[in-house]
Protein backbone atom coordinates (compact mmCIF):
# COMPACT_ATOMS: atom_id res chain seq x y z
CA MET A 1 221.17 -26.88 103.27
CA SER A 2 220.08 -29.82 101.63
CA GLY A 3 221.16 -31.46 97.84
CA PHE A 4 219.49 -33.60 95.27
CA SER A 5 220.56 -34.97 92.29
CA ARG A 6 221.71 -38.58 91.01
CA PRO A 7 224.89 -40.63 92.25
CA PRO A 8 228.30 -39.09 90.76
CA ALA A 9 228.44 -40.66 87.12
CA THR A 10 232.51 -40.27 87.42
CA GLU A 11 235.87 -41.91 88.94
CA PRO A 12 236.90 -39.81 90.72
CA ASN A 13 234.20 -37.71 91.25
CA LEU A 14 234.34 -34.02 93.47
CA TYR A 15 231.37 -34.97 95.72
CA THR A 16 233.75 -38.25 97.24
CA ILE A 17 237.24 -36.08 96.81
CA ALA A 18 235.43 -33.16 98.73
CA GLU A 19 233.26 -35.02 101.11
CA ILE A 20 230.93 -33.21 100.68
CA HIS A 21 227.82 -35.32 102.40
CA SER A 22 229.94 -33.78 105.54
CA LEU A 23 228.99 -30.34 104.46
CA VAL A 24 225.63 -31.00 103.05
CA CYS A 25 222.25 -32.47 103.81
CA SER A 26 222.40 -34.92 100.37
CA GLY A 27 219.97 -37.20 98.82
CA PHE A 28 220.27 -38.96 95.22
CA GLY A 29 217.46 -39.24 92.82
CA ASP A 30 215.90 -38.15 88.91
CA LEU A 31 214.73 -35.37 88.48
CA GLN A 32 212.62 -37.67 85.93
CA THR A 33 211.33 -39.19 88.30
CA TYR A 34 208.61 -36.90 89.95
CA ALA A 35 207.93 -38.99 93.30
CA ASP A 36 211.53 -38.53 93.99
CA ILE A 37 211.72 -34.54 93.38
CA GLU A 38 208.13 -34.08 95.79
CA ALA A 39 210.00 -36.50 98.07
CA ALA A 40 212.82 -33.87 98.22
CA VAL A 41 211.15 -30.89 98.24
CA VAL A 42 208.68 -32.29 100.96
CA ARG A 43 212.18 -32.71 103.48
CA SER A 44 213.91 -29.62 102.28
CA ALA A 45 211.17 -27.27 103.01
CA PRO A 46 213.33 -24.36 100.34
CA GLU A 47 213.04 -21.34 100.82
CA ILE A 48 215.56 -20.94 97.60
CA VAL A 49 216.11 -23.48 95.05
CA ILE A 50 219.41 -23.23 92.57
CA HIS A 51 218.35 -25.62 90.00
CA LEU A 52 221.74 -26.72 88.29
CA ALA A 53 220.99 -30.31 87.24
CA ALA A 54 221.67 -31.60 83.75
CA GLN A 55 222.26 -33.36 81.64
CA PRO A 56 225.37 -30.94 80.52
CA LEU A 57 227.21 -32.17 77.58
CA VAL A 58 227.20 -31.38 73.45
CA LEU A 59 228.39 -34.16 72.02
CA LYS A 60 226.45 -37.15 74.53
CA SER A 61 223.75 -34.61 73.88
CA VAL A 62 223.70 -35.70 70.24
CA ARG A 63 224.21 -39.57 70.75
CA GLU A 64 221.66 -39.44 73.76
CA PRO A 65 218.93 -36.86 72.95
CA VAL A 66 215.96 -38.76 74.11
CA GLU A 67 217.61 -38.66 77.59
CA THR A 68 219.22 -35.24 76.76
CA PHE A 69 215.36 -33.42 76.62
CA ALA A 70 213.78 -35.90 79.36
CA SER A 71 216.45 -34.97 82.12
CA ASN A 72 216.57 -30.96 80.88
CA VAL A 73 213.69 -30.18 80.20
CA MET A 74 210.66 -32.56 81.87
CA GLY A 75 213.55 -32.97 85.09
CA THR A 76 212.66 -28.60 84.92
CA VAL A 77 208.91 -29.14 84.46
CA ASN A 78 208.89 -31.93 87.68
CA LEU A 79 211.03 -29.67 89.77
CA LEU A 80 209.05 -26.93 89.31
CA ALA A 81 205.26 -28.64 89.62
CA ALA A 82 206.60 -29.95 93.28
CA LEU A 83 207.86 -26.52 93.87
CA ARG A 84 204.08 -25.39 93.30
CA GLN A 85 202.97 -26.57 96.60
CA SER A 86 206.08 -25.85 99.21
CA PRO A 87 205.21 -23.03 101.33
CA ARG A 88 208.06 -21.53 102.49
CA LEU A 89 209.40 -20.80 98.35
CA LYS A 90 211.05 -17.24 97.94
CA VAL A 91 212.52 -17.77 94.88
CA VAL A 92 213.98 -20.23 91.87
CA LEU A 93 216.61 -19.81 89.48
CA VAL A 94 216.88 -22.02 87.07
CA VAL A 95 220.94 -21.87 85.48
CA THR A 96 221.02 -23.04 81.59
CA THR A 97 223.62 -22.11 79.53
CA ASP A 98 225.60 -19.77 77.11
CA LYS A 99 224.64 -21.50 74.74
CA VAL A 100 220.64 -21.11 74.94
CA TYR A 101 220.59 -18.25 71.28
CA ARG A 102 220.16 -18.33 68.05
CA ASN A 103 224.34 -18.85 66.85
CA ASN A 104 223.85 -17.60 63.96
CA HIS A 105 227.74 -17.33 63.57
CA VAL A 106 228.34 -13.27 63.76
CA PRO A 107 230.56 -12.76 66.55
CA ILE A 108 228.70 -10.16 68.44
CA PRO A 109 228.52 -11.13 72.90
CA PHE A 110 224.47 -12.09 73.31
CA ARG A 111 222.45 -10.17 75.12
CA GLU A 112 219.57 -11.65 78.18
CA SER A 113 217.82 -10.03 75.18
CA ASP A 114 218.61 -11.53 71.84
CA ALA A 115 216.56 -14.98 70.69
CA LEU A 116 216.67 -17.87 71.80
CA GLY A 117 217.88 -20.95 69.44
CA GLY A 118 219.95 -24.68 69.72
CA HIS A 119 221.72 -26.65 67.19
CA ASP A 120 222.27 -29.36 69.24
CA PRO A 121 220.30 -30.72 71.67
CA TYR A 122 221.35 -29.36 74.20
CA SER A 123 221.60 -26.37 72.74
CA ALA A 124 217.60 -26.45 72.43
CA SER A 125 216.91 -28.04 75.52
CA LYS A 126 218.24 -25.95 77.73
CA ALA A 127 216.58 -22.57 75.80
CA ALA A 128 213.74 -25.28 76.46
CA THR A 129 214.08 -24.94 79.79
CA GLU A 130 213.83 -20.77 79.84
CA LEU A 131 210.60 -21.12 78.48
CA VAL A 132 209.60 -23.52 80.98
CA ALA A 133 211.09 -21.49 83.58
CA ALA A 134 209.22 -18.58 82.29
CA ALA A 135 206.12 -20.22 81.76
CA PHE A 136 205.94 -21.64 85.14
CA ALA A 137 206.96 -18.33 86.08
CA ASP A 138 203.56 -16.75 84.77
CA SER A 139 201.15 -19.10 85.56
CA TYR A 140 201.74 -20.14 89.38
CA PHE A 141 204.51 -18.58 90.77
CA GLN A 142 203.93 -14.59 90.31
CA ALA A 143 200.43 -14.84 92.07
CA GLN A 144 202.12 -16.35 95.21
CA GLY A 145 204.67 -14.12 95.58
CA VAL A 146 207.74 -16.69 94.05
CA SER A 147 210.09 -14.78 92.09
CA VAL A 148 211.28 -16.73 89.09
CA ALA A 149 215.05 -16.60 87.12
CA THR A 150 217.28 -18.07 85.02
CA ALA A 151 221.09 -17.23 85.40
CA ARG A 152 223.21 -18.33 81.52
CA GLY A 153 226.51 -19.31 82.42
CA GLY A 154 229.62 -19.47 80.66
CA ASN A 155 232.26 -21.94 79.85
CA VAL A 156 233.39 -23.02 83.26
CA ILE A 157 236.66 -24.22 83.82
CA GLY A 158 237.52 -24.67 88.21
CA GLY A 159 239.04 -27.66 90.10
CA GLY A 160 236.55 -30.89 90.32
CA ASP A 161 235.46 -31.47 86.75
CA PHE A 162 235.93 -35.16 85.47
CA SER A 163 233.57 -35.07 82.95
CA GLU A 164 234.32 -36.89 79.47
CA GLU A 165 234.57 -34.57 76.03
CA ARG A 166 235.61 -31.43 78.18
CA LEU A 167 238.19 -29.73 77.95
CA VAL A 168 239.78 -29.53 81.14
CA PRO A 169 238.99 -32.42 81.96
CA ASP A 170 240.91 -33.94 78.70
CA ILE A 171 244.27 -31.72 80.25
CA TYR A 172 244.18 -33.31 83.12
CA ARG A 173 243.89 -36.77 81.58
CA ALA A 174 246.62 -36.53 78.86
CA VAL A 175 248.93 -34.97 81.59
CA THR A 176 248.34 -37.63 84.03
CA THR A 177 248.53 -40.39 81.62
CA ASN A 178 251.64 -38.78 79.56
CA GLY A 179 249.17 -38.99 76.63
CA LYS A 180 248.59 -36.10 73.37
CA LEU A 181 245.80 -33.60 74.15
CA VAL A 182 243.06 -33.86 71.19
CA LEU A 183 241.23 -30.82 69.82
CA ARG A 184 237.94 -30.59 67.87
CA HIS A 185 238.22 -27.12 67.07
CA PRO A 186 241.53 -25.00 68.49
CA GLU A 187 240.24 -22.16 66.86
CA ALA A 188 236.74 -21.57 68.32
CA ILE A 189 235.84 -18.92 70.93
CA ARG A 190 234.36 -19.11 74.57
CA PRO A 191 233.62 -17.15 77.30
CA TRP A 192 235.70 -19.09 79.88
CA GLN A 193 235.26 -18.42 83.70
CA HIS A 194 235.63 -19.80 86.57
CA VAL A 195 233.02 -22.59 88.59
CA LEU A 196 233.56 -19.61 91.70
CA ASP A 197 232.96 -16.37 89.46
CA CYS A 198 229.72 -18.03 88.17
CA LEU A 199 228.24 -19.70 91.43
CA CYS A 200 229.16 -16.92 93.14
CA GLY A 201 227.24 -15.30 90.88
CA TYR A 202 224.49 -16.89 91.06
CA LEU A 203 224.48 -16.73 94.82
CA THR A 204 224.48 -13.19 94.39
CA TYR A 205 221.44 -12.87 91.81
CA ALA A 206 219.48 -15.51 94.49
CA GLN A 207 219.89 -13.80 97.37
CA GLN A 208 218.86 -9.79 95.55
CA LEU A 209 215.40 -11.89 94.35
CA HIS A 210 215.08 -13.00 97.95
CA ASP A 211 215.66 -9.49 98.86
CA GLY A 212 212.78 -7.98 96.59
CA ARG A 213 214.82 -5.89 93.98
CA GLY A 214 213.04 -5.84 91.08
CA LEU A 215 216.08 -7.78 89.13
CA PRO A 216 215.97 -8.79 85.20
CA ARG A 217 214.78 -12.29 84.57
CA THR A 218 217.25 -13.51 83.32
CA VAL A 219 221.30 -12.28 84.06
CA ASN A 220 224.42 -13.37 81.55
CA PHE A 221 227.63 -14.29 83.74
CA GLY A 222 230.50 -14.49 82.16
CA PRO A 223 234.18 -12.73 81.67
CA SER A 224 234.89 -9.88 79.25
CA ALA A 225 233.51 -9.68 76.12
CA ALA A 226 236.25 -7.53 75.24
CA GLU A 227 239.09 -10.55 75.78
CA PRO A 228 237.73 -13.22 74.18
CA ILE A 229 239.92 -16.47 74.84
CA ALA A 230 240.31 -19.62 72.01
CA VAL A 231 240.71 -23.12 72.73
CA ALA A 232 244.02 -23.13 71.55
CA THR A 233 245.24 -20.39 74.15
CA MET A 234 243.09 -21.56 76.78
CA ALA A 235 245.32 -25.15 76.42
CA ASN A 236 248.27 -23.81 76.17
CA ALA A 237 248.07 -22.82 78.72
CA MET A 238 245.75 -25.07 80.81
CA LEU A 239 248.85 -27.24 79.83
CA GLU A 240 252.00 -25.15 81.00
CA ALA A 241 250.17 -24.78 84.04
CA LEU A 242 249.79 -28.67 84.52
CA GLY A 243 253.76 -28.51 84.08
CA ARG A 244 253.65 -30.10 80.71
CA SER A 245 254.76 -28.19 77.46
CA PRO A 246 251.67 -26.99 75.27
CA GLN A 247 251.22 -29.68 72.34
CA TRP A 248 248.21 -31.24 71.33
CA ARG A 249 247.02 -32.70 67.59
CA VAL A 250 244.11 -31.24 65.96
CA ASP A 251 240.95 -34.24 64.89
CA ARG A 252 238.83 -32.33 63.30
CA PRO A 253 234.84 -34.12 63.21
CA ALA A 254 233.13 -34.42 59.58
CA SER A 255 230.49 -32.26 60.93
CA SER A 256 229.87 -30.78 63.99
CA VAL A 257 226.99 -28.46 65.82
CA GLU A 258 229.80 -27.08 67.92
CA MET A 259 229.42 -23.57 67.09
CA GLN A 260 232.95 -21.38 66.31
CA HIS A 261 232.26 -18.50 68.20
CA LEU A 262 230.56 -17.63 72.04
CA THR A 263 231.40 -14.25 73.90
CA LEU A 264 228.21 -13.16 76.32
CA ASP A 265 227.44 -9.03 76.76
CA CYS A 266 227.26 -9.34 80.85
CA ARG A 267 226.33 -5.58 81.21
CA LEU A 268 223.26 -6.74 83.48
CA ALA A 269 225.32 -8.50 85.61
CA HIS A 270 228.08 -6.22 86.50
CA ASP A 271 225.31 -2.87 86.18
CA VAL A 272 222.28 -4.04 88.33
CA LEU A 273 223.63 -6.89 90.37
CA GLY A 274 227.67 -5.60 90.87
CA TRP A 275 228.92 -8.44 90.74
CA ARG A 276 232.35 -9.04 88.26
CA ASN A 277 235.42 -11.75 87.91
CA ARG A 278 237.50 -12.57 91.14
CA LEU A 279 239.64 -14.73 88.64
CA PRO A 280 240.35 -13.31 84.91
CA GLY A 281 241.63 -15.41 82.27
CA MET A 282 244.88 -16.45 83.32
CA GLN A 283 244.04 -16.31 86.86
CA ALA A 284 241.37 -18.59 85.99
CA VAL A 285 243.42 -21.08 84.66
CA ARG A 286 246.16 -20.91 87.78
CA ALA A 287 243.27 -21.43 90.10
CA THR A 288 242.13 -24.83 88.29
CA ALA A 289 245.52 -26.29 87.85
CA ASP A 290 246.81 -25.96 91.67
CA TRP A 291 243.55 -27.54 92.16
CA TYR A 292 244.18 -30.31 90.23
CA LEU A 293 248.13 -30.71 90.91
CA ALA A 294 246.62 -30.82 94.61
CA PHE A 295 244.56 -33.48 94.35
CA ARG A 296 247.13 -35.49 92.53
CA ASN A 297 249.62 -34.61 95.23
CA GLY A 298 247.56 -36.40 97.64
CA GLU A 299 246.44 -33.62 99.58
CA ASP A 300 242.97 -33.73 101.94
CA MET A 301 240.61 -31.86 98.77
CA LEU A 302 238.11 -30.99 101.57
CA ALA A 303 239.93 -28.43 103.21
CA TYR A 304 241.92 -27.77 99.66
CA THR A 305 238.94 -26.64 98.69
CA LEU A 306 236.85 -25.23 101.20
CA ALA A 307 240.53 -23.04 101.74
CA SER A 308 240.46 -21.95 98.00
CA ILE A 309 237.24 -20.71 98.21
CA ASP A 310 238.38 -18.75 101.54
CA ASP A 311 241.05 -16.87 99.56
CA PHE A 312 238.82 -16.49 96.08
CA LEU A 313 236.09 -14.83 98.77
CA THR A 314 239.06 -11.86 99.97
CA ARG A 315 239.50 -11.55 96.59
């Protein structure tokens, strides 16, 4: 098993905390540099590729649109171009996002057949990534017998995330610094799910593609659309799970590209792949909070994370 990415962008970061280098043969480079990814592909000679690398932050994409499109679109182009000459390749799974859909503020769960769109550079870049993946599949990989698919994941929570301007890391920072949490859109609805649930979905999808099953090219992965959770509800639950009273203030921007309502229809994942959420709702919150509490208490986070995965798999 091999991994390729830029060096960790935050301090602290999961790669260092959980000693990922002891588990995965790692290579550092930049998908925007074709020579870097070509060398990584030659070195690893992959059979299954799961492409997760991206500039994933919505507000950063508004501030840095060129970097976002370069990373998300051209990074994917470079990876798929390099993989064309990989002789053992069987499956490429490109992970995009629930935000690829054309969102007209209608509170209806998005299905895989709905139109693509994007009100902000991040969402648009990921919608463009879907088109890139489809173009490479039709033009090159289908004739080679390589399955190319895209997975659209909901809003992910889980231990080890220290990114800026993301809800759970912002909550953890507020708790550890005794600061006040700031919410931009407390009423916004999002499809929250635990990171292990969506990763399990991606791996299930990739495995079944490898097994040669006739599967759809795109699958949503998220929680039940019948149980929408607002940002404020998620924030309150996470604060309480971390031992803090649910207090926050609202700093609503004068203009915003963030959508008010976003849910997914995940029946394909359930019915076709046999995938299900093992950590629904508040169980995902509890598992996330427990990871951050263990980190704050100085526990061995490699051992803790591996034990968390084992516990997840027995559910």
